[in-house]
N, C-alpha and C. Protein backbone atom coordinates (compact mmCIF):
# COMPACT_ATOMS: atom_id res chain seq x y z
N UNK A 1 2.83 -224.34 -0.09
CA UNK A 1 1.90 -224.02 -0.53
C UNK A 1 0.90 -224.36 0.30
N UNK A 2 -0.25 -223.58 0.83
CA UNK A 2 -1.32 -223.94 1.61
C UNK A 2 -2.35 -224.42 0.75
N UNK A 3 -2.98 -225.18 0.84
CA UNK A 3 -4.35 -225.72 0.08
C UNK A 3 -5.33 -225.85 0.78
N UNK A 4 -6.60 -225.04 0.65
CA UNK A 4 -8.07 -225.65 1.50
C UNK A 4 -8.75 -226.60 0.99
N UNK A 5 -8.82 -227.84 1.50
CA UNK A 5 -9.89 -228.69 0.56
C UNK A 5 -11.40 -228.20 0.53
N UNK A 6 -11.99 -228.49 -0.57
CA UNK A 6 -12.98 -227.64 -1.18
C UNK A 6 -13.79 -228.67 -1.81
N UNK A 7 -15.16 -229.01 -1.41
CA UNK A 7 -16.18 -229.61 -2.23
C UNK A 7 -16.45 -228.73 -3.79
N UNK A 8 -16.87 -229.36 -4.62
CA UNK A 8 -17.10 -228.90 -5.85
C UNK A 8 -18.60 -227.86 -5.76
N UNK A 9 -19.26 -227.71 -4.91
CA UNK A 9 -20.57 -227.27 -4.99
C UNK A 9 -20.55 -226.40 -3.37
N UNK A 10 -19.57 -225.67 -3.33
CA UNK A 10 -19.35 -224.93 -2.15
C UNK A 10 -20.40 -223.47 -2.37
N UNK A 11 -21.03 -223.40 -1.19
CA UNK A 11 -21.61 -222.07 -1.41
C UNK A 11 -21.07 -220.79 -0.11
N UNK A 12 -20.69 -220.01 -0.69
CA UNK A 12 -20.26 -218.96 0.33
C UNK A 12 -21.10 -217.91 0.99
N UNK A 13 -21.12 -217.99 2.34
CA UNK A 13 -22.34 -217.02 2.66
C UNK A 13 -21.59 -216.19 3.74
N UNK A 14 -21.79 -214.82 3.50
CA UNK A 14 -21.18 -214.02 4.09
C UNK A 14 -21.70 -213.77 5.81
N UNK A 15 -22.30 -214.71 6.24
CA UNK A 15 -22.82 -214.62 7.45
C UNK A 15 -21.80 -215.75 8.01
N UNK A 16 -21.39 -216.90 7.22
CA UNK A 16 -20.60 -217.96 7.96
C UNK A 16 -18.97 -217.39 7.86
N UNK A 17 -19.05 -216.68 9.06
CA UNK A 17 -17.60 -216.15 9.03
C UNK A 17 -16.43 -217.01 9.27
N UNK A 18 -16.78 -218.27 10.09
CA UNK A 18 -15.68 -219.33 10.32
C UNK A 18 -15.14 -219.79 8.93
N UNK A 19 -15.86 -219.98 8.07
CA UNK A 19 -15.71 -220.59 6.62
C UNK A 19 -15.02 -219.72 5.98
N UNK A 20 -15.37 -218.34 5.87
CA UNK A 20 -14.57 -217.17 5.17
C UNK A 20 -13.22 -217.17 5.63
N UNK A 21 -12.96 -217.16 7.06
CA UNK A 21 -11.57 -216.86 7.69
C UNK A 21 -10.61 -217.83 7.05
N UNK A 22 -11.12 -219.01 6.81
CA UNK A 22 -10.28 -220.21 5.91
C UNK A 22 -9.48 -219.71 4.79
N UNK A 23 -10.36 -218.95 4.21
CA UNK A 23 -9.73 -218.35 2.87
C UNK A 23 -9.04 -216.87 3.02
N UNK A 24 -8.66 -216.49 4.29
CA UNK A 24 -7.89 -215.08 4.52
C UNK A 24 -6.65 -215.59 5.06
N UNK A 25 -5.46 -214.83 4.71
CA UNK A 25 -4.05 -214.92 5.44
C UNK A 25 -4.21 -214.21 6.73
N UNK A 26 -3.50 -214.16 7.60
CA UNK A 26 -3.29 -213.82 8.88
C UNK A 26 -3.51 -212.13 9.03
N UNK A 27 -3.10 -211.68 7.61
CA UNK A 27 -3.51 -210.01 7.79
C UNK A 27 -4.45 -209.89 7.29
N UNK A 28 -5.73 -210.67 6.99
CA UNK A 28 -7.03 -210.42 6.53
C UNK A 28 -7.43 -210.13 5.12
N UNK A 29 -5.99 -210.67 4.26
CA UNK A 29 -6.42 -210.16 2.83
C UNK A 29 -7.09 -212.07 2.40
N UNK A 30 -7.53 -211.79 1.35
CA UNK A 30 -8.02 -212.85 0.54
C UNK A 30 -7.05 -213.50 -0.22
N UNK A 31 -6.81 -215.25 0.08
CA UNK A 31 -5.72 -215.68 -0.67
C UNK A 31 -6.11 -215.95 -2.06
N UNK A 32 -5.01 -216.11 -2.52
CA UNK A 32 -5.37 -216.10 -4.21
C UNK A 32 -5.76 -217.62 -4.56
N UNK A 33 -6.45 -217.35 -5.94
CA UNK A 33 -6.99 -218.67 -6.47
C UNK A 33 -6.20 -219.95 -6.57
N UNK A 34 -4.79 -219.88 -6.72
CA UNK A 34 -3.96 -220.76 -7.03
C UNK A 34 -3.61 -221.56 -5.52
N UNK A 35 -3.69 -221.00 -4.43
CA UNK A 35 -3.48 -221.19 -3.11
C UNK A 35 -4.88 -221.89 -2.39
N UNK A 36 -6.10 -221.59 -2.79
CA UNK A 36 -6.96 -221.83 -2.16
C UNK A 36 -7.61 -223.03 -3.02
N UNK A 37 -7.33 -223.33 -4.25
CA UNK A 37 -7.54 -224.25 -4.87
C UNK A 37 -9.39 -224.26 -5.50
N UNK A 38 -9.69 -223.00 -5.58
CA UNK A 38 -11.02 -222.68 -5.99
C UNK A 38 -10.88 -222.54 -7.45
N UNK A 39 -11.87 -222.40 -7.92
CA UNK A 39 -12.36 -222.20 -9.60
C UNK A 39 -12.49 -220.76 -9.78
N UNK A 40 -12.52 -219.95 -10.77
CA UNK A 40 -12.50 -218.90 -10.70
C UNK A 40 -13.78 -218.10 -10.45
N UNK A 41 -14.92 -218.77 -10.90
CA UNK A 41 -16.31 -218.39 -10.53
C UNK A 41 -16.43 -218.75 -8.73
N UNK A 42 -16.15 -219.50 -8.10
CA UNK A 42 -15.81 -219.71 -6.79
C UNK A 42 -14.80 -218.56 -6.10
N UNK A 43 -13.97 -218.20 -6.65
CA UNK A 43 -13.21 -217.25 -6.14
C UNK A 43 -13.84 -215.87 -5.95
N UNK A 44 -14.38 -215.73 -7.03
CA UNK A 44 -15.49 -214.47 -7.19
C UNK A 44 -16.44 -214.36 -6.27
N UNK A 45 -17.13 -215.84 -6.25
CA UNK A 45 -18.23 -215.44 -4.91
C UNK A 45 -17.36 -215.38 -3.72
N UNK A 46 -16.43 -215.90 -3.39
CA UNK A 46 -15.51 -215.84 -2.03
C UNK A 46 -15.45 -214.29 -1.87
N UNK A 47 -14.95 -213.58 -2.69
CA UNK A 47 -14.52 -212.33 -2.52
C UNK A 47 -15.84 -211.31 -2.36
N UNK A 48 -16.83 -211.71 -3.10
CA UNK A 48 -18.13 -210.88 -2.85
C UNK A 48 -18.68 -211.16 -1.15
N UNK A 49 -18.69 -212.60 -1.00
CA UNK A 49 -18.97 -212.67 0.36
C UNK A 49 -18.21 -212.01 1.52
N UNK A 50 -16.94 -212.01 1.04
CA UNK A 50 -15.92 -211.68 2.21
C UNK A 50 -15.99 -209.91 2.38
N UNK A 51 -16.23 -209.26 1.24
CA UNK A 51 -16.32 -208.03 0.85
C UNK A 51 -17.53 -207.54 1.61
N UNK A 52 -19.03 -208.26 1.59
CA UNK A 52 -20.09 -208.01 2.45
C UNK A 52 -19.73 -208.18 3.95
N UNK A 53 -19.14 -209.14 4.24
CA UNK A 53 -18.81 -209.37 5.65
C UNK A 53 -18.18 -208.43 6.46
N UNK A 54 -17.09 -207.48 5.55
CA UNK A 54 -16.51 -206.84 6.15
C UNK A 54 -17.19 -205.50 6.07
N UNK A 55 -18.31 -205.38 5.14
CA UNK A 55 -18.89 -204.03 5.30
C UNK A 55 -19.77 -204.05 6.42
N UNK A 56 -20.45 -205.45 6.62
CA UNK A 56 -21.42 -205.68 8.10
C UNK A 56 -20.58 -205.60 9.19
N UNK A 57 -19.14 -205.35 9.28
CA UNK A 57 -18.15 -205.39 10.15
C UNK A 57 -18.38 -206.89 11.05
N UNK A 58 -18.62 -208.08 10.17
CA UNK A 58 -18.37 -209.51 10.69
C UNK A 58 -17.10 -209.76 10.79
N UNK A 59 -16.45 -209.43 9.52
CA UNK A 59 -14.52 -209.51 9.51
C UNK A 59 -14.03 -208.21 9.34
N UNK A 60 -12.95 -208.08 9.94
CA UNK A 60 -12.06 -206.86 10.00
C UNK A 60 -11.58 -206.36 8.39
N UNK A 61 -11.48 -205.10 8.46
CA UNK A 61 -10.70 -204.93 6.93
C UNK A 61 -9.19 -205.31 7.01
N UNK A 62 -8.45 -204.99 8.20
CA UNK A 62 -7.34 -205.32 8.25
C UNK A 62 -6.97 -205.74 9.80
N UNK A 63 -6.32 -206.87 9.77
CA UNK A 63 -6.05 -207.87 11.08
C UNK A 63 -5.07 -206.92 11.83
N UNK A 64 -5.19 -206.95 13.03
CA UNK A 64 -4.05 -206.23 14.32
C UNK A 64 -2.84 -207.10 14.21
N UNK A 65 -2.56 -208.11 13.68
CA UNK A 65 -1.05 -208.79 13.65
C UNK A 65 0.11 -207.90 13.14
């Protein structure tokens, strides 16, 4: 099980693609909260940021792998 080290006061910005990609699997899906180690509130904020980045074409909807 892969866990990402996260500080408690992290803020997810949809323009920070490098940070968002740490929480995506190789297929471009958002990892589960149990795998990322985020709280429920942080997981929801992550989902909103990833969806915004996808909508603006900063992240792909589906990976080519």
